[in-house]
């Protein structure tokens, strides 16, 4: 169980919905790519760095993409999520 949540030490506590979005985004990647939680977290962090966006914003954008609730005016994070994972949906 500790391995599943090892990433919790790398992001700040008290961020509420942002932390939940990060956990949900990890779950999305685990489900669609069949990868371990640590790999899903690493993929989110790497993609955020590549696109120059916050990992939290990218996580929120991935969750929106997966749920079909993309914003009408896409942000940089929305575009990054579509670039990275749009073909998977």
Protein backbone atom coordinates (compact mmCIF):
# COMPACT_ATOMS: atom_id res chain seq x y z
CA UNK A 1 0.00 0.00 0.00
CA UNK A 2 2.84 2.41 0.73
CA UNK A 3 4.10 2.10 -2.83
CA UNK A 4 0.72 3.17 -4.17
CA UNK A 5 0.87 6.44 -2.31
CA UNK A 6 4.59 7.18 -2.34
CA UNK A 7 3.93 10.31 -4.39
CA UNK A 8 2.07 11.97 -1.51
CA UNK A 9 5.37 13.21 -0.13
CA UNK A 10 6.11 15.10 -3.35
CA UNK A 11 3.05 17.33 -3.49
CA UNK A 12 1.79 19.76 -0.85
CA UNK A 13 -0.89 18.81 1.62
CA UNK A 14 -4.00 20.90 2.02
CA UNK A 15 -4.63 21.42 -1.66
CA UNK A 16 -7.98 19.64 -1.42
CA UNK A 17 -9.58 19.27 -4.82
CA UNK A 18 -6.24 19.62 -6.59
CA UNK A 19 -4.86 16.62 -4.71
CA UNK A 20 -8.03 14.68 -5.48
CA UNK A 21 -7.68 15.61 -9.16
CA UNK A 22 -4.09 14.36 -9.12
CA UNK A 23 -5.18 11.06 -7.56
CA UNK A 24 -8.04 10.75 -10.06
CA UNK A 25 -5.75 11.52 -13.00
CA UNK A 26 -3.36 8.83 -11.81
CA UNK A 27 -6.33 6.45 -11.70
CA UNK A 28 -7.26 7.38 -15.25
CA UNK A 29 -3.76 6.55 -16.47
CA UNK A 30 -3.65 3.34 -14.45
CA UNK A 31 -6.93 2.28 -16.00
CA UNK A 32 -6.33 3.17 -19.64
CA UNK A 33 -2.63 2.39 -19.85
CA UNK A 34 -2.50 -0.51 -17.36
CA UNK A 35 0.53 0.89 -15.54
CA UNK A 36 1.48 1.02 -11.85
CA UNK A 37 0.57 4.07 -9.77
CA UNK A 38 4.17 5.24 -9.52
CA UNK A 39 4.50 5.16 -13.32
CA UNK A 40 1.25 7.09 -13.72
CA UNK A 41 2.48 9.78 -11.35
CA UNK A 42 5.85 9.95 -13.13
CA UNK A 43 4.07 10.25 -16.48
CA UNK A 44 1.98 13.17 -15.21
CA UNK A 45 5.04 14.94 -13.80
CA UNK A 46 7.07 14.38 -16.98
CA UNK A 47 4.24 15.62 -19.20
CA UNK A 48 3.76 18.69 -17.01
CA UNK A 49 7.46 19.53 -17.31
CA UNK A 50 7.47 18.95 -21.07
CA UNK A 51 4.55 21.32 -21.55
CA UNK A 52 5.56 23.83 -18.88
CA UNK A 53 2.35 23.52 -16.88
CA UNK A 54 1.53 22.69 -13.29
CA UNK A 55 1.11 18.99 -12.58
CA UNK A 56 -2.12 19.87 -10.76
CA UNK A 57 -3.49 21.80 -13.73
CA UNK A 58 -2.53 18.96 -16.06
CA UNK A 59 -4.19 16.43 -13.76
CA UNK A 60 -7.40 18.50 -13.74
CA UNK A 61 -7.25 18.74 -17.53
CA UNK A 62 -6.76 14.98 -17.90
CA UNK A 63 -9.73 14.29 -15.64
CA UNK A 64 -11.84 16.71 -17.70
CA UNK A 65 -10.67 15.07 -20.94
CA UNK A 66 -11.46 11.59 -19.60
CA UNK A 67 -14.91 12.64 -18.44
CA UNK A 68 -15.77 14.55 -21.61
CA UNK A 69 -15.96 17.87 -19.73
CA UNK A 70 -13.31 19.85 -21.55
CA UNK A 71 -13.42 23.63 -21.21
CA UNK A 72 -14.77 25.59 -24.18
CA UNK A 73 -11.70 27.87 -23.98
CA UNK A 74 -8.79 25.41 -23.59
CA UNK A 75 -5.89 26.34 -21.35
CA UNK A 76 -2.29 25.31 -21.89
CA UNK A 77 -2.93 22.37 -19.55
CA UNK A 78 -6.01 21.34 -21.56
CA UNK A 79 -3.99 21.39 -24.77
CA UNK A 80 -1.20 19.43 -23.10
CA UNK A 81 -3.61 16.75 -21.87
CA UNK A 82 -5.14 16.41 -25.34
CA UNK A 83 -1.67 16.18 -26.92
CA UNK A 84 -0.43 13.58 -24.43
CA UNK A 85 -3.53 11.40 -24.01
CA UNK A 86 -6.24 12.50 -26.43
CA UNK A 87 -5.69 9.52 -28.72
CA UNK A 88 -6.46 7.17 -25.82
CA UNK A 89 -10.06 8.37 -25.59
